[in-house]
Every structure is written in C-alpha cells, then in structure tokens.
Amino acid sequence: MSGRLFLAQRVTAAILAFVVAGHLAMIILAERAGLSAGAILARTHHNIWLLAFYAVFVTAAAIHAPIGLRNVLIEWAHWRGRSLDVAMSAFALALLALGLAAAYAVYAA
C-alpha cells in the first residue's frame, strides 16, 4: 500500500471513530426518548448540522472502506494492477454518491 493510501485510511479511521460514536449516541437517545421514525425525520428535516455531520461520515466511509477492501482483495484474491484501482475508485464513488443522496434525502424529507 502506498504511503498516501495508508495515511488516508488512518485519518479516515480517526474521523469515523468520532462520527460513529456520535451516530450511535443519537440512535440511543432517540430510542430512549421513544421517538418514532416520523418523529426522527421531523427533527432532521432541514437540519443543516446533521446534513454536514452525515456528509463527513459518508465521505470518510467512502474513502476508508475501498482502501481496506483493496488490501483484502490484494491479499486474498491476488488481484493487483490498474483494474483493481479502477474498481475501487468506482466503488468509492458509488458509496459517496449513494451515501450523500441518502443524507440529503433525510435532510429534505
């Protein structure tokens, strides 16, 4: 793995540690408050801070996951070269696009 990919995965892991903890805290608080899905969506509607939070979450995950999957595929499937890099780039873009679309859908709901 190149130094840049190594650093990118470590930096995104640090970011994910915080956003996953925040996400889990929100889930626990909503569950303890007995909020329904509709009540949660009403609270998230047009909340720019939650949109920004989940945009950071999605972006970090879209960078972190393909790097890890790339390393697994190199080790287990012995897949190397440009085709692997292209496939992981496409996977990263798909994760980013789908995740940001989901975050925006919750924001705009």
C-alpha atoms as a PDB file:
ATOM      1  CA  MET A   1       0.000   0.000   0.000  1.00  0.00           C
ATOM      2  CA  SER A   2       1.291   3.431  -0.848  1.00  0.00           C
ATOM      3  CA  GLY A   3       2.028   5.939   1.868  1.00  0.00           C
ATOM      4  CA  ARG A   4      -0.860   8.157   0.780  1.00  0.00           C
ATOM      5  CA  LEU A   5      -3.397   5.321   0.971  1.00  0.00           C
ATOM      6  CA  PHE A   6      -2.024   4.273   4.358  1.00  0.00           C
ATOM      7  CA  LEU A   7      -2.357   7.825   5.679  1.00  0.00           C
ATOM      8  CA  ALA A   8      -5.812   8.304   4.132  1.00  0.00           C
ATOM      9  CA  GLN A   9      -7.098   5.144   5.777  1.00  0.00           C
ATOM     10  CA  ARG A  10      -5.682   6.104   9.178  1.00  0.00           C
ATOM     11  CA  VAL A  11      -7.045   9.644   9.018  1.00  0.00           C
ATOM     12  CA  THR A  12     -10.497   8.452   7.954  1.00  0.00           C
ATOM     13  CA  ALA A  13     -10.430   5.820  10.712  1.00  0.00           C
ATOM     14  CA  ALA A  14      -9.899   8.589  13.263  1.00  0.00           C
ATOM     15  CA  ILE A  15     -12.757  10.601  11.771  1.00  0.00           C
ATOM     16  CA  LEU A  16     -15.014   7.533  11.685  1.00  0.00           C
ATOM     17  CA  ALA A  17     -14.313   6.819  15.363  1.00  0.00           C
ATOM     18  CA  PHE A  18     -15.908  10.144  16.273  1.00  0.00           C
ATOM     19  CA  VAL A  19     -18.811  10.124  13.813  1.00  0.00           C
ATOM     20  CA  VAL A  20     -19.758   6.506  14.546  1.00  0.00           C
ATOM     21  CA  ALA A  21     -19.785   7.331  18.279  1.00  0.00           C
ATOM     22  CA  GLY A  22     -21.968  10.359  17.572  1.00  0.00           C
ATOM     23  CA  HIS A  23     -24.283   8.347  15.345  1.00  0.00           C
ATOM     24  CA  LEU A  24     -24.678   5.621  17.982  1.00  0.00           C
ATOM     25  CA  ALA A  25     -25.333   8.243  20.665  1.00  0.00           C
ATOM     26  CA  MET A  26     -28.096   9.759  18.511  1.00  0.00           C
ATOM     27  CA  ILE A  27     -29.651   6.319  17.992  1.00  0.00           C
ATOM     28  CA  ILE A  28     -29.576   5.535  21.706  1.00  0.00           C
ATOM     29  CA  LEU A  29     -31.036   8.924  22.650  1.00  0.00           C
ATOM     30  CA  ALA A  30     -33.820   8.636  20.061  1.00  0.00           C
ATOM     31  CA  GLU A  31     -34.670   5.122  21.215  1.00  0.00           C
ATOM     32  CA  ARG A  32     -34.713   6.107  24.884  1.00  0.00           C
ATOM     33  CA  ALA A  33     -36.961   9.043  24.061  1.00  0.00           C
ATOM     34  CA  GLY A  34     -39.319   6.641  22.295  1.00  0.00           C
ATOM     35  CA  LEU A  35     -39.203   8.572  19.044  1.00  0.00           C
ATOM     36  CA  SER A  36     -40.860   7.061  16.005  1.00  0.00           C
ATOM     37  CA  ALA A  37     -39.287   7.157  12.564  1.00  0.00           C
ATOM     38  CA  GLY A  38     -41.629  10.004  11.674  1.00  0.00           C
ATOM     39  CA  ALA A  39     -40.609  11.990  14.754  1.00  0.00           C
ATOM     40  CA  ILE A  40     -36.940  11.466  13.950  1.00  0.00           C
ATOM     41  CA  LEU A  41     -37.445  12.614  10.357  1.00  0.00           C
ATOM     42  CA  ALA A  42     -39.350  15.667  11.590  1.00  0.00           C
ATOM     43  CA  ARG A  43     -36.360  16.606  13.767  1.00  0.00           C
ATOM     44  CA  THR A  44     -33.848  16.061  10.983  1.00  0.00           C
ATOM     45  CA  HIS A  45     -35.863  17.960   8.359  1.00  0.00           C
ATOM     46  CA  HIS A  46     -33.725  20.860   7.101  1.00  0.00           C
ATOM     47  CA  ASN A  47     -31.173  20.478   9.889  1.00  0.00           C
ATOM     48  CA  ILE A  48     -28.008  21.664   8.159  1.00  0.00           C
ATOM     49  CA  TRP A  49     -25.803  20.479  11.045  1.00  0.00           C
ATOM     50  CA  LEU A  50     -26.995  16.895  10.713  1.00  0.00           C
ATOM     51  CA  LEU A  51     -26.558  17.072   6.949  1.00  0.00           C
ATOM     52  CA  ALA A  52     -22.974  18.275   7.442  1.00  0.00           C
ATOM     53  CA  PHE A  53     -22.360  15.579  10.084  1.00  0.00           C
ATOM     54  CA  TYR A  54     -23.566  12.807   7.797  1.00  0.00           C
ATOM     55  CA  ALA A  55     -21.727  14.272   4.784  1.00  0.00           C
ATOM     56  CA  VAL A  56     -18.492  13.980   6.780  1.00  0.00           C
ATOM     57  CA  PHE A  57     -19.489  10.453   7.868  1.00  0.00           C
ATOM     58  CA  VAL A  58     -20.242   9.333   4.306  1.00  0.00           C
ATOM     59  CA  THR A  59     -17.133  10.932   2.846  1.00  0.00           C
ATOM     60  CA  ALA A  60     -14.865   9.291   5.432  1.00  0.00           C
ATOM     61  CA  ALA A  61     -16.527   5.899   4.898  1.00  0.00           C
ATOM     62  CA  ALA A  62     -16.310   6.237   1.102  1.00  0.00           C
ATOM     63  CA  ILE A  63     -12.557   6.783   1.389  1.00  0.00           C
ATOM     64  CA  HIS A  64     -11.862   4.293   4.186  1.00  0.00           C
ATOM     65  CA  ALA A  65     -13.805   1.231   3.004  1.00  0.00           C
ATOM     66  CA  PRO A  66     -12.405   0.902  -0.540  1.00  0.00           C
ATOM     67  CA  ILE A  67      -8.838   1.153   0.749  1.00  0.00           C
ATOM     68  CA  GLY A  68      -9.467  -1.682   3.180  1.00  0.00           C
ATOM     69  CA  LEU A  69     -11.293  -3.746   0.568  1.00  0.00           C
ATOM     70  CA  ARG A  70      -8.426  -3.145  -1.857  1.00  0.00           C
ATOM     71  CA  ASN A  71      -5.983  -4.594   0.659  1.00  0.00           C
ATOM     72  CA  VAL A  72      -8.208  -7.628   1.269  1.00  0.00           C
ATOM     73  CA  LEU A  73      -8.516  -8.273  -2.480  1.00  0.00           C
ATOM     74  CA  ILE A  74      -4.755  -7.996  -2.945  1.00  0.00           C
ATOM     75  CA  GLU A  75      -4.123 -10.473  -0.138  1.00  0.00           C
ATOM     76  CA  TRP A  76      -6.947 -12.973  -0.705  1.00  0.00           C
ATOM     77  CA  ALA A  77      -7.714 -12.763  -4.416  1.00  0.00           C
ATOM     78  CA  HIS A  78      -4.232 -11.751  -5.567  1.00  0.00           C
ATOM     79  CA  TRP A  79      -5.873  -9.010  -7.615  1.00  0.00           C
ATOM     80  CA  ARG A  80      -3.418  -6.257  -8.466  1.00  0.00           C
ATOM     81  CA  GLY A  81      -2.892  -3.552 -11.022  1.00  0.00           C
ATOM     82  CA  ARG A  82      -4.873  -0.854 -12.714  1.00  0.00           C
ATOM     83  CA  SER A  83      -8.126  -2.837 -12.902  1.00  0.00           C
ATOM     84  CA  LEU A  84      -8.181  -3.117  -9.090  1.00  0.00           C
ATOM     85  CA  ASP A  85      -7.554   0.607  -8.702  1.00  0.00           C
ATOM     86  CA  VAL A  86     -10.323   1.425 -11.192  1.00  0.00           C
ATOM     87  CA  ALA A  87     -12.769  -0.953  -9.482  1.00  0.00           C
ATOM     88  CA  MET A  88     -12.025   0.511  -6.033  1.00  0.00           C
ATOM     89  CA  SER A  89     -12.339   4.063  -7.369  1.00  0.00           C
ATOM     90  CA  ALA A  90     -15.734   3.178  -8.840  1.00  0.00           C
ATOM     91  CA  PHE A  91     -16.738   1.568  -5.528  1.00  0.00           C
ATOM     92  CA  ALA A  92     -15.653   4.706  -3.641  1.00  0.00           C
ATOM     93  CA  LEU A  93     -17.633   6.969  -5.974  1.00  0.00           C
ATOM     94  CA  ALA A  94     -20.705   4.746  -5.684  1.00  0.00           C
ATOM     95  CA  LEU A  95     -20.510   4.792  -1.876  1.00  0.00           C
ATOM     96  CA  LEU A  96     -20.074   8.553  -1.900  1.00  0.00           C
ATOM     97  CA  ALA A  97     -22.940   9.199  -4.309  1.00  0.00           C
ATOM     98  CA  LEU A  98     -25.382   6.832  -2.601  1.00  0.00           C
ATOM     99  CA  GLY A  99     -24.447   7.983   0.887  1.00  0.00           C
ATOM    100  CA  LEU A 100     -24.728  11.673   0.085  1.00  0.00           C
ATOM    101  CA  ALA A 101     -28.048  11.061  -1.683  1.00  0.00           C
ATOM    102  CA  ALA A 102     -29.363   9.276   1.419  1.00  0.00           C
ATOM    103  CA  ALA A 103     -28.140  12.052   3.727  1.00  0.00           C
ATOM    104  CA  TYR A 104     -29.746  14.676   1.525  1.00  0.00           C
ATOM    105  CA  ALA A 105     -32.995  12.697   1.335  1.00  0.00           C
ATOM    106  CA  VAL A 106     -33.229  12.706   5.134  1.00  0.00           C
ATOM    107  CA  TYR A 107     -32.412  16.421   5.200  1.00  0.00           C
ATOM    108  CA  ALA A 108     -35.002  17.275   2.548  1.00  0.00           C
ATOM    109  CA  ALA A 109     -37.701  14.853   3.787  1.00  0.00           C
END
